[in-house]
Amino acid sequence: MLQDIVVDLIKNEECLWLEFKSYWYWDNSKSDKSQGWNEFLKDFSAIYNTADAHKDNVKYMVIGFDEKTNIHNNYYEAKDGSELIDIKDINLLKKEIISKLKKRFKSTPSFKEADDLKDIETFFNIEIVDIGGIKNIVFIFHETPYLLELKANLSDGFRSGSILVRDLKTDKTPEVVVRGGSGNLNNTYK
């Protein structure tokens, strides 16, 4: 059961195959969500592209859990407690994510339908897990036949042609870095 898996996951530190976010990537005070979407797409593509995985070749991103305080937050609530209506329906959220992925990424290695990100919807799931009455959203990444390569620039200097992955800093905490592709190979994102 996914709830049991999440309870076990939150006992771990963040690593190459596990990411925690206390809150969603934007709040209601910002009318322009593009920066939040860019941050989300960086994290999503980096964990998607990272080869290291938990058992069964699965990677996880849990939103609504603060690993420093061990406090759970409803994934659809901003830090100020306001409700983020546009992410509450996970089916619509997945469609929006797929649309944004297809606009910003192509598959590598390239093949006939590289720009379509063939079957991308089958390589990740989005689930809601109730932990003590608080709803966390869990992205579950499965083994994939291709990497996501940027076909359009993202903020923070990540350029078209970049392949974002997670790597460990010297203190063993994960960060997003560029590996391969024609993007800026020196850029990192925490």
N, C-alpha and C. Protein backbone atom coordinates (compact mmCIF):
# COMPACT_ATOMS: atom_id res chain seq x y z
N MET A 1 0.84 -1.19 0.00
CA MET A 1 0.00 0.00 0.00
C MET A 1 0.89 1.25 0.00
N LEU A 2 0.53 2.24 -0.81
CA LEU A 2 1.35 3.42 -0.97
C LEU A 2 1.54 4.19 0.33
N GLN A 3 0.53 4.22 1.17
CA GLN A 3 0.66 4.93 2.44
C GLN A 3 1.80 4.34 3.27
N ASP A 4 1.90 3.02 3.31
CA ASP A 4 2.99 2.37 4.05
C ASP A 4 4.35 2.69 3.42
N ILE A 5 4.39 2.75 2.10
CA ILE A 5 5.64 3.09 1.41
C ILE A 5 6.06 4.51 1.78
N VAL A 6 5.11 5.45 1.77
CA VAL A 6 5.43 6.84 2.10
C VAL A 6 5.89 6.96 3.55
N VAL A 7 5.24 6.26 4.45
CA VAL A 7 5.66 6.27 5.86
C VAL A 7 7.10 5.79 5.97
N ASP A 8 7.48 4.79 5.19
CA ASP A 8 8.87 4.32 5.17
C ASP A 8 9.79 5.34 4.50
N LEU A 9 9.34 5.95 3.41
CA LEU A 9 10.17 6.91 2.68
C LEU A 9 10.55 8.11 3.55
N ILE A 10 9.60 8.60 4.34
CA ILE A 10 9.90 9.81 5.12
C ILE A 10 10.87 9.56 6.26
N LYS A 11 11.23 8.32 6.48
CA LYS A 11 12.28 7.99 7.45
C LYS A 11 13.66 8.19 6.85
N ASN A 12 13.72 8.37 5.52
CA ASN A 12 14.98 8.53 4.79
C ASN A 12 15.33 9.99 4.60
N GLU A 13 16.60 10.23 4.33
CA GLU A 13 17.07 11.53 3.89
C GLU A 13 16.79 11.63 2.39
N GLU A 14 16.72 12.86 1.88
CA GLU A 14 16.64 13.03 0.44
C GLU A 14 17.88 12.40 -0.19
N CYS A 15 17.69 11.84 -1.36
CA CYS A 15 18.80 11.20 -2.06
C CYS A 15 18.52 11.32 -3.56
N LEU A 16 19.27 10.60 -4.36
CA LEU A 16 19.09 10.71 -5.81
C LEU A 16 17.70 10.29 -6.26
N TRP A 17 17.09 9.33 -5.57
CA TRP A 17 15.79 8.80 -5.99
C TRP A 17 14.62 9.29 -5.13
N LEU A 18 14.89 10.24 -4.22
CA LEU A 18 13.84 10.70 -3.30
C LEU A 18 13.95 12.20 -3.08
N GLU A 19 12.86 12.90 -3.34
CA GLU A 19 12.78 14.35 -3.16
C GLU A 19 11.58 14.68 -2.29
N PHE A 20 11.76 15.58 -1.32
CA PHE A 20 10.67 16.09 -0.50
C PHE A 20 10.50 17.58 -0.76
N LYS A 21 9.27 18.03 -0.79
CA LYS A 21 8.95 19.44 -0.87
C LYS A 21 7.88 19.71 0.18
N SER A 22 8.11 20.73 0.99
CA SER A 22 7.14 21.09 2.04
C SER A 22 5.83 21.59 1.44
N TYR A 23 5.96 22.39 0.40
CA TYR A 23 4.80 23.03 -0.22
C TYR A 23 4.93 22.94 -1.73
N TRP A 24 3.82 23.21 -2.43
CA TRP A 24 3.82 23.26 -3.88
C TRP A 24 4.72 24.41 -4.33
N TYR A 25 4.92 24.56 -5.61
CA TYR A 25 5.92 25.44 -6.18
C TYR A 25 5.50 26.90 -6.32
N TRP A 26 4.28 27.23 -6.03
CA TRP A 26 3.83 28.62 -6.03
C TRP A 26 2.72 28.77 -5.03
N ASP A 27 2.34 30.02 -4.80
CA ASP A 27 1.20 30.29 -3.93
C ASP A 27 0.24 31.22 -4.66
N ASN A 28 -0.82 31.60 -4.01
CA ASN A 28 -1.85 32.41 -4.65
C ASN A 28 -1.47 33.89 -4.78
N SER A 29 -0.38 34.30 -4.15
CA SER A 29 0.00 35.71 -4.21
C SER A 29 0.65 36.07 -5.54
N LYS A 30 1.07 35.09 -6.32
CA LYS A 30 1.73 35.36 -7.59
C LYS A 30 0.77 35.09 -8.74
N SER A 31 0.57 36.12 -9.56
CA SER A 31 -0.31 35.92 -10.71
C SER A 31 0.42 35.16 -11.82
N ASP A 32 1.75 35.29 -11.87
CA ASP A 32 2.54 34.59 -12.88
C ASP A 32 3.14 33.33 -12.26
N LYS A 33 2.67 32.19 -12.70
CA LYS A 33 3.13 30.91 -12.15
C LYS A 33 4.29 30.32 -12.95
N SER A 34 4.78 31.04 -13.96
CA SER A 34 5.80 30.47 -14.83
C SER A 34 7.08 30.11 -14.08
N GLN A 35 7.50 30.94 -13.13
CA GLN A 35 8.69 30.60 -12.35
C GLN A 35 8.47 29.33 -11.54
N GLY A 36 7.30 29.18 -10.93
CA GLY A 36 6.98 27.96 -10.18
C GLY A 36 6.96 26.74 -11.08
N TRP A 37 6.37 26.89 -12.28
CA TRP A 37 6.38 25.78 -13.23
C TRP A 37 7.81 25.42 -13.65
N ASN A 38 8.66 26.43 -13.87
CA ASN A 38 10.05 26.16 -14.22
C ASN A 38 10.75 25.37 -13.12
N GLU A 39 10.54 25.76 -11.87
CA GLU A 39 11.14 25.05 -10.74
C GLU A 39 10.63 23.60 -10.69
N PHE A 40 9.33 23.43 -10.87
CA PHE A 40 8.75 22.09 -10.87
C PHE A 40 9.34 21.25 -12.00
N LEU A 41 9.39 21.80 -13.21
CA LEU A 41 9.90 21.06 -14.35
C LEU A 41 11.37 20.67 -14.17
N LYS A 42 12.16 21.54 -13.53
CA LYS A 42 13.56 21.19 -13.24
C LYS A 42 13.62 19.98 -12.31
N ASP A 43 12.88 20.05 -11.21
CA ASP A 43 12.89 18.94 -10.26
C ASP A 43 12.34 17.66 -10.88
N PHE A 44 11.22 17.79 -11.59
CA PHE A 44 10.58 16.63 -12.22
C PHE A 44 11.54 15.97 -13.20
N SER A 45 12.09 16.75 -14.13
CA SER A 45 12.95 16.16 -15.16
C SER A 45 14.23 15.60 -14.57
N ALA A 46 14.77 16.24 -13.54
CA ALA A 46 16.02 15.75 -12.94
C ALA A 46 15.81 14.39 -12.27
N ILE A 47 14.72 14.23 -11.54
CA ILE A 47 14.50 12.93 -10.90
C ILE A 47 14.08 11.89 -11.95
N TYR A 48 13.35 12.31 -12.96
CA TYR A 48 12.98 11.42 -14.07
C TYR A 48 14.22 10.88 -14.75
N ASN A 49 15.21 11.75 -14.98
CA ASN A 49 16.42 11.39 -15.73
C ASN A 49 17.48 10.67 -14.89
N THR A 50 17.36 10.68 -13.59
CA THR A 50 18.40 10.11 -12.74
C THR A 50 18.32 8.59 -12.76
N ALA A 51 19.48 7.98 -12.98
CA ALA A 51 19.54 6.52 -13.11
C ALA A 51 19.35 5.80 -11.78
N ASP A 52 19.86 6.36 -10.69
CA ASP A 52 19.76 5.71 -9.39
C ASP A 52 18.30 5.65 -8.96
N ALA A 53 17.87 4.49 -8.46
CA ALA A 53 16.47 4.33 -8.06
C ALA A 53 16.36 3.45 -6.83
N HIS A 54 15.22 3.53 -6.19
CA HIS A 54 14.87 2.68 -5.06
C HIS A 54 14.58 1.28 -5.61
N LYS A 55 14.23 0.37 -4.75
CA LYS A 55 13.91 -0.98 -5.23
C LYS A 55 12.84 -0.92 -6.32
N ASP A 56 12.86 -1.88 -7.20
CA ASP A 56 11.96 -1.97 -8.34
C ASP A 56 12.12 -0.82 -9.33
N ASN A 57 13.30 -0.18 -9.33
CA ASN A 57 13.59 0.92 -10.26
C ASN A 57 12.58 2.06 -10.17
N VAL A 58 12.19 2.42 -8.96
CA VAL A 58 11.21 3.47 -8.75
C VAL A 58 11.88 4.64 -8.02
N LYS A 59 11.45 5.86 -8.39
CA LYS A 59 11.91 7.09 -7.74
C LYS A 59 10.67 7.84 -7.27
N TYR A 60 10.84 8.68 -6.24
CA TYR A 60 9.69 9.35 -5.63
C TYR A 60 9.95 10.83 -5.40
N MET A 61 8.90 11.62 -5.58
CA MET A 61 8.89 13.01 -5.15
C MET A 61 7.63 13.18 -4.31
N VAL A 62 7.81 13.53 -3.04
CA VAL A 62 6.71 13.68 -2.10
C VAL A 62 6.54 15.17 -1.80
N ILE A 63 5.37 15.70 -2.12
CA ILE A 63 5.10 17.11 -1.87
C ILE A 63 4.07 17.21 -0.76
N GLY A 64 4.45 17.99 0.27
CA GLY A 64 3.61 18.14 1.45
C GLY A 64 4.29 17.59 2.69
N PHE A 65 5.60 17.33 2.60
CA PHE A 65 6.34 16.84 3.76
C PHE A 65 7.64 17.63 3.89
N ASP A 66 7.83 18.18 5.09
CA ASP A 66 9.06 18.92 5.39
C ASP A 66 9.99 17.98 6.15
N GLU A 67 11.06 17.56 5.49
CA GLU A 67 11.96 16.58 6.10
C GLU A 67 12.77 17.15 7.26
N LYS A 68 12.88 18.48 7.35
CA LYS A 68 13.64 19.08 8.45
C LYS A 68 12.82 19.11 9.75
N THR A 69 11.52 19.35 9.62
CA THR A 69 10.65 19.45 10.80
C THR A 69 9.79 18.21 11.01
N ASN A 70 9.77 17.31 9.99
CA ASN A 70 8.90 16.13 9.98
C ASN A 70 7.42 16.49 10.05
N ILE A 71 7.07 17.63 9.49
CA ILE A 71 5.68 18.09 9.48
C ILE A 71 5.09 17.87 8.09
N HIS A 72 3.87 17.34 8.06
CA HIS A 72 3.13 17.16 6.82
C HIS A 72 2.25 18.37 6.58
N ASN A 73 2.09 18.74 5.32
CA ASN A 73 1.22 19.84 4.90
C ASN A 73 0.36 19.33 3.75
N ASN A 74 -0.88 19.79 3.67
CA ASN A 74 -1.70 19.43 2.52
C ASN A 74 -1.03 19.99 1.27
N TYR A 75 -0.83 19.13 0.28
CA TYR A 75 -0.11 19.51 -0.93
C TYR A 75 -0.78 20.67 -1.66
N TYR A 76 -2.07 20.83 -1.52
CA TYR A 76 -2.82 21.85 -2.25
C TYR A 76 -2.99 23.14 -1.45
N GLU A 77 -2.29 23.26 -0.33
CA GLU A 77 -2.33 24.49 0.46
C GLU A 77 -0.99 25.20 0.37
N ALA A 78 -1.05 26.51 0.15
CA ALA A 78 0.16 27.32 0.13
C ALA A 78 0.64 27.56 1.57
N LYS A 79 1.82 28.13 1.71
CA LYS A 79 2.37 28.41 3.05
C LYS A 79 1.43 29.26 3.88
N ASP A 80 0.68 30.17 3.23
CA ASP A 80 -0.24 31.03 3.97
C ASP A 80 -1.57 30.35 4.28
N GLY A 81 -1.71 29.09 3.91
CA GLY A 81 -2.93 28.34 4.20
C GLY A 81 -4.00 28.44 3.13
N SER A 82 -3.78 29.27 2.12
CA SER A 82 -4.78 29.39 1.05
C SER A 82 -4.74 28.15 0.17
N GLU A 83 -5.87 27.87 -0.45
CA GLU A 83 -6.01 26.66 -1.26
C GLU A 83 -5.61 26.91 -2.70
N LEU A 84 -4.79 26.01 -3.23
CA LEU A 84 -4.35 26.09 -4.63
C LEU A 84 -5.30 25.23 -5.47
N ILE A 85 -6.37 25.83 -5.91
CA ILE A 85 -7.44 25.12 -6.62
C ILE A 85 -6.91 24.42 -7.87
N ASP A 86 -5.97 25.06 -8.59
CA ASP A 86 -5.54 24.54 -9.88
C ASP A 86 -4.69 23.27 -9.81
N ILE A 87 -4.32 22.82 -8.62
CA ILE A 87 -3.56 21.56 -8.53
C ILE A 87 -4.31 20.48 -7.75
N LYS A 88 -5.50 20.80 -7.31
CA LYS A 88 -6.23 19.87 -6.44
C LYS A 88 -6.70 18.61 -7.19
N ASP A 89 -7.10 18.77 -8.44
CA ASP A 89 -7.55 17.63 -9.25
C ASP A 89 -6.32 17.01 -9.90
N ILE A 90 -5.90 15.82 -9.44
CA ILE A 90 -4.64 15.26 -9.93
C ILE A 90 -4.72 14.79 -11.38
N ASN A 91 -5.90 14.47 -11.87
CA ASN A 91 -6.03 14.10 -13.29
C ASN A 91 -5.78 15.31 -14.19
N LEU A 92 -6.35 16.45 -13.83
CA LEU A 92 -6.09 17.68 -14.58
C LEU A 92 -4.64 18.12 -14.41
N LEU A 93 -4.10 17.95 -13.22
CA LEU A 93 -2.70 18.30 -12.96
C LEU A 93 -1.78 17.47 -13.86
N LYS A 94 -2.04 16.18 -13.97
CA LYS A 94 -1.19 15.32 -14.81
C LYS A 94 -1.26 15.76 -16.26
N LYS A 95 -2.45 16.09 -16.74
CA LYS A 95 -2.59 16.57 -18.13
C LYS A 95 -1.79 17.86 -18.33
N GLU A 96 -1.85 18.75 -17.36
CA GLU A 96 -1.10 20.01 -17.45
C GLU A 96 0.40 19.76 -17.43
N ILE A 97 0.85 18.85 -16.59
CA ILE A 97 2.27 18.50 -16.53
C ILE A 97 2.72 17.92 -17.86
N ILE A 98 1.97 17.00 -18.42
CA ILE A 98 2.33 16.39 -19.70
C ILE A 98 2.39 17.46 -20.80
N SER A 99 1.43 18.36 -20.81
CA SER A 99 1.43 19.44 -21.80
C SER A 99 2.69 20.29 -21.67
N LYS A 100 3.06 20.65 -20.47
CA LYS A 100 4.26 21.47 -20.25
C LYS A 100 5.53 20.70 -20.58
N LEU A 101 5.57 19.42 -20.25
CA LEU A 101 6.73 18.61 -20.60
C LEU A 101 6.91 18.56 -22.11
N LYS A 102 5.81 18.37 -22.84
CA LYS A 102 5.89 18.26 -24.30
C LYS A 102 6.30 19.58 -24.95
N LYS A 103 5.99 20.71 -24.30
CA LYS A 103 6.41 22.01 -24.83
C LYS A 103 7.89 22.27 -24.57
N ARG A 104 8.42 21.78 -23.45
CA ARG A 104 9.78 22.13 -23.03
C ARG A 104 10.84 21.06 -23.25
N PHE A 105 10.43 19.81 -23.48
CA PHE A 105 11.39 18.71 -23.55
C PHE A 105 11.16 17.85 -24.79
N LYS A 106 12.21 17.17 -25.18
CA LYS A 106 12.13 16.11 -26.18
C LYS A 106 12.85 14.90 -25.60
N SER A 107 12.63 13.77 -26.20
CA SER A 107 13.29 12.56 -25.70
C SER A 107 14.68 12.43 -26.29
N THR A 108 15.55 11.87 -25.51
CA THR A 108 16.88 11.53 -26.00
C THR A 108 17.24 10.16 -25.45
N PRO A 109 17.74 9.21 -26.21
CA PRO A 109 18.10 9.40 -27.61
C PRO A 109 16.86 9.67 -28.46
N SER A 110 17.12 10.38 -29.55
CA SER A 110 16.02 10.77 -30.44
C SER A 110 15.52 9.57 -31.23
N PHE A 111 14.26 9.61 -31.54
CA PHE A 111 13.64 8.63 -32.42
C PHE A 111 12.52 9.33 -33.16
N LYS A 112 11.80 8.60 -33.94
CA LYS A 112 10.81 9.19 -34.84
C LYS A 112 9.86 10.17 -34.14
N GLU A 113 9.40 9.84 -32.96
CA GLU A 113 8.43 10.68 -32.25
C GLU A 113 9.06 11.37 -31.04
N ALA A 114 10.32 11.80 -31.17
CA ALA A 114 11.06 12.35 -30.04
C ALA A 114 10.39 13.56 -29.41
N ASP A 115 9.82 14.43 -30.25
CA ASP A 115 9.18 15.63 -29.71
C ASP A 115 7.84 15.33 -29.04
N ASP A 116 7.29 14.17 -29.28
CA ASP A 116 6.01 13.82 -28.68
C ASP A 116 6.14 13.21 -27.29
N LEU A 117 7.37 12.88 -26.86
CA LEU A 117 7.59 12.19 -25.58
C LEU A 117 6.65 10.99 -25.50
N LYS A 118 6.83 10.11 -26.44
CA LYS A 118 5.95 8.93 -26.59
C LYS A 118 5.72 8.22 -25.25
N ASP A 119 4.47 8.02 -24.94
CA ASP A 119 4.01 7.28 -23.75
C ASP A 119 4.49 7.89 -22.42
N ILE A 120 4.82 9.17 -22.40
CA ILE A 120 5.33 9.80 -21.18
C ILE A 120 4.38 9.58 -19.99
N GLU A 121 3.08 9.56 -20.26
CA GLU A 121 2.10 9.41 -19.18
C GLU A 121 2.21 8.07 -18.47
N THR A 122 2.83 7.08 -19.11
CA THR A 122 2.96 5.75 -18.49
C THR A 122 4.20 5.63 -17.60
N PHE A 123 5.09 6.62 -17.65
CA PHE A 123 6.36 6.53 -16.92
C PHE A 123 6.32 7.21 -15.56
N PHE A 124 5.19 7.83 -15.23
CA PHE A 124 5.04 8.40 -13.88
C PHE A 124 3.56 8.37 -13.48
N ASN A 125 3.36 8.22 -12.19
CA ASN A 125 2.02 8.26 -11.61
C ASN A 125 1.97 9.39 -10.60
N ILE A 126 0.78 9.88 -10.37
CA ILE A 126 0.55 10.87 -9.32
C ILE A 126 -0.51 10.29 -8.41
N GLU A 127 -0.19 10.20 -7.14
CA GLU A 127 -1.12 9.63 -6.16
C GLU A 127 -1.24 10.59 -4.97
N ILE A 128 -2.39 10.54 -4.33
CA ILE A 128 -2.62 11.28 -3.09
C ILE A 128 -2.55 10.28 -1.94
N VAL A 129 -1.79 10.64 -0.92
CA VAL A 129 -1.66 9.77 0.25
C VAL A 129 -2.07 10.57 1.48
N ASP A 130 -2.96 9.99 2.26
CA ASP A 130 -3.43 10.61 3.50
C ASP A 130 -2.55 10.13 4.65
N ILE A 131 -1.86 11.06 5.28
CA ILE A 131 -1.02 10.75 6.44
C ILE A 131 -1.58 11.54 7.62
N GLY A 132 -2.28 10.86 8.49
CA GLY A 132 -2.85 11.53 9.66
C GLY A 132 -3.81 12.65 9.33
N GLY A 133 -4.60 12.48 8.27
CA GLY A 133 -5.57 13.51 7.88
C GLY A 133 -5.00 14.60 6.99
N ILE A 134 -3.73 14.53 6.68
CA ILE A 134 -3.07 15.49 5.80
C ILE A 134 -2.79 14.80 4.47
N LYS A 135 -3.08 15.48 3.38
CA LYS A 135 -2.91 14.88 2.05
C LYS A 135 -1.59 15.33 1.42
N ASN A 136 -0.73 14.36 1.18
CA ASN A 136 0.51 14.58 0.44
C ASN A 136 0.29 14.08 -0.98
N ILE A 137 0.98 14.70 -1.93
CA ILE A 137 0.94 14.22 -3.31
C ILE A 137 2.28 13.52 -3.57
N VAL A 138 2.20 12.36 -4.20
CA VAL A 138 3.39 11.56 -4.45
C VAL A 138 3.52 11.32 -5.95
N PHE A 139 4.66 11.73 -6.49
CA PHE A 139 5.00 11.42 -7.88
C PHE A 139 5.86 10.17 -7.84
N ILE A 140 5.44 9.17 -8.60
CA ILE A 140 6.15 7.89 -8.66
C ILE A 140 6.70 7.74 -10.07
N PHE A 141 8.02 7.66 -10.17
CA PHE A 141 8.69 7.58 -11.46
C PHE A 141 9.14 6.16 -11.71
N HIS A 142 8.75 5.62 -12.86
CA HIS A 142 9.11 4.26 -13.24
C HIS A 142 10.28 4.28 -14.22
N GLU A 143 10.84 3.13 -14.48
CA GLU A 143 11.93 3.02 -15.44
C GLU A 143 11.46 3.54 -16.80
N THR A 144 12.33 4.28 -17.47
CA THR A 144 11.95 4.91 -18.73
C THR A 144 12.93 4.54 -19.85
N PRO A 145 12.45 4.56 -21.09
CA PRO A 145 13.32 4.20 -22.22
C PRO A 145 14.12 5.39 -22.78
N TYR A 146 13.83 6.59 -22.28
CA TYR A 146 14.54 7.77 -22.78
C TYR A 146 14.67 8.81 -21.67
N LEU A 147 15.56 9.77 -21.91
CA LEU A 147 15.75 10.90 -21.01
C LEU A 147 14.99 12.10 -21.54
N LEU A 148 14.75 13.06 -20.67
CA LEU A 148 14.12 14.31 -21.07
C LEU A 148 15.22 15.34 -21.32
N GLU A 149 15.28 15.86 -22.54
CA GLU A 149 16.26 16.89 -22.91
C GLU A 149 15.51 18.19 -23.18
N LEU A 150 15.99 19.28 -22.61
CA LEU A 150 15.34 20.57 -22.82
C LEU A 150 15.38 20.96 -24.30
N LYS A 151 14.21 21.36 -24.80
CA LYS A 151 14.17 21.92 -26.16
C LYS A 151 13.84 23.41 -26.11
N ALA A 152 13.68 23.92 -24.89
CA ALA A 152 13.47 25.35 -24.66
C ALA A 152 14.16 25.70 -23.34
N ASN A 153 14.67 26.91 -23.23
CA ASN A 153 15.37 27.33 -22.02
C ASN A 153 14.44 27.37 -20.82
N LEU A 154 15.00 27.03 -19.64
CA LEU A 154 14.32 27.24 -18.37
C LEU A 154 15.08 28.35 -17.64
N SER A 155 14.54 28.83 -16.55
CA SER A 155 15.23 29.86 -15.79
C SER A 155 16.51 29.30 -15.16
N ASP A 156 17.26 30.14 -14.51
CA ASP A 156 18.51 29.78 -13.83
C ASP A 156 19.58 29.29 -14.79
N GLY A 157 19.50 29.66 -16.06
CA GLY A 157 20.56 29.34 -17.01
C GLY A 157 20.52 27.96 -17.61
N PHE A 158 19.48 27.18 -17.35
CA PHE A 158 19.38 25.87 -17.99
C PHE A 158 18.90 26.08 -19.41
N ARG A 159 19.74 25.68 -20.36
CA ARG A 159 19.52 26.00 -21.76
C ARG A 159 19.00 24.80 -22.55
N SER A 160 18.42 25.15 -23.68
CA SER A 160 17.99 24.12 -24.62
C SER A 160 19.15 23.18 -24.88
N GLY A 161 18.87 21.89 -24.91
CA GLY A 161 19.91 20.88 -25.10
C GLY A 161 20.42 20.27 -23.81
N SER A 162 20.01 20.84 -22.67
CA SER A 162 20.47 20.33 -21.37
C SER A 162 19.67 19.10 -20.96
N ILE A 163 20.36 18.17 -20.31
CA ILE A 163 19.72 17.02 -19.67
C ILE A 163 19.96 17.17 -18.18
N LEU A 164 18.90 17.43 -17.43
CA LEU A 164 19.01 17.66 -16.00
C LEU A 164 18.93 16.34 -15.25
N VAL A 165 19.80 16.18 -14.25
CA VAL A 165 19.78 15.00 -13.40
C VAL A 165 20.05 15.44 -11.96
N ARG A 166 19.84 14.52 -11.04
CA ARG A 166 20.19 14.76 -9.64
C ARG A 166 21.58 14.19 -9.40
N ASP A 167 22.37 14.93 -8.64
CA ASP A 167 23.69 14.48 -8.25
C ASP A 167 23.87 14.85 -6.79
N LEU A 168 24.81 14.21 -6.13
CA LEU A 168 25.05 14.50 -4.72
C LEU A 168 26.19 15.50 -4.57
N LYS A 169 25.95 16.51 -3.73
CA LYS A 169 27.00 17.45 -3.38
C LYS A 169 27.95 16.76 -2.41
N THR A 170 29.00 17.44 -2.01
CA THR A 170 29.98 16.84 -1.09
C THR A 170 29.36 16.49 0.25
N ASP A 171 28.30 17.23 0.65
CA ASP A 171 27.64 16.91 1.93
C ASP A 171 26.57 15.84 1.78
N LYS A 172 26.51 15.21 0.61
CA LYS A 172 25.59 14.10 0.29
C LYS A 172 24.14 14.53 0.12
N THR A 173 23.87 15.83 -0.02
CA THR A 173 22.51 16.28 -0.32
C THR A 173 22.38 16.42 -1.83
N PRO A 174 21.20 16.15 -2.37
CA PRO A 174 21.03 16.19 -3.83
C PRO A 174 20.90 17.62 -4.37
N GLU A 175 21.30 17.77 -5.61
CA GLU A 175 21.13 19.02 -6.34
C GLU A 175 20.86 18.66 -7.80
N VAL A 176 20.31 19.61 -8.53
CA VAL A 176 20.06 19.42 -9.95
C VAL A 176 21.27 19.95 -10.72
N VAL A 177 21.78 19.11 -11.61
CA VAL A 177 22.93 19.48 -12.44
C VAL A 177 22.65 19.08 -13.88
N VAL A 178 23.47 19.59 -14.79
CA VAL A 178 23.35 19.24 -16.20
C VAL A 178 24.35 18.14 -16.51
N ARG A 179 23.88 17.10 -17.15
CA ARG A 179 24.75 16.02 -17.62
C ARG A 179 24.41 15.75 -19.07
N GLY A 180 25.39 15.85 -19.94
CA GLY A 180 25.14 15.59 -21.35
C GLY A 180 24.36 16.70 -22.00
N GLY A 181 24.06 16.51 -23.24
CA GLY A 181 23.35 17.53 -24.00
C GLY A 181 24.27 18.69 -24.30
N SER A 182 23.74 19.71 -24.92
CA SER A 182 24.56 20.86 -25.31
C SER A 182 24.37 22.04 -24.39
N GLY A 183 23.67 21.85 -23.25
CA GLY A 183 23.42 22.94 -22.32
C GLY A 183 24.65 23.28 -21.51
N ASN A 184 24.53 24.27 -20.64
CA ASN A 184 25.62 24.72 -19.79
C ASN A 184 25.96 23.64 -18.78
N LEU A 185 27.11 23.02 -18.92
CA LEU A 185 27.49 21.88 -18.07
C LEU A 185 27.92 22.29 -16.67
N ASN A 186 28.08 23.57 -16.41
CA ASN A 186 28.57 24.01 -15.10
C ASN A 186 27.44 24.46 -14.17
N ASN A 187 26.22 24.47 -14.63
CA ASN A 187 25.13 25.02 -13.83
C ASN A 187 24.58 23.99 -12.86
N THR A 188 24.31 24.43 -11.64
CA THR A 188 23.66 23.58 -10.66
C THR A 188 22.49 24.35 -10.07
N TYR A 189 21.58 23.61 -9.49
CA TYR A 189 20.38 24.20 -8.88
C TYR A 189 20.08 23.42 -7.63
N LYS A 190 19.87 24.10 -6.53
CA LYS A 190 19.61 23.45 -5.25
C LYS A 190 18.13 23.41 -4.98
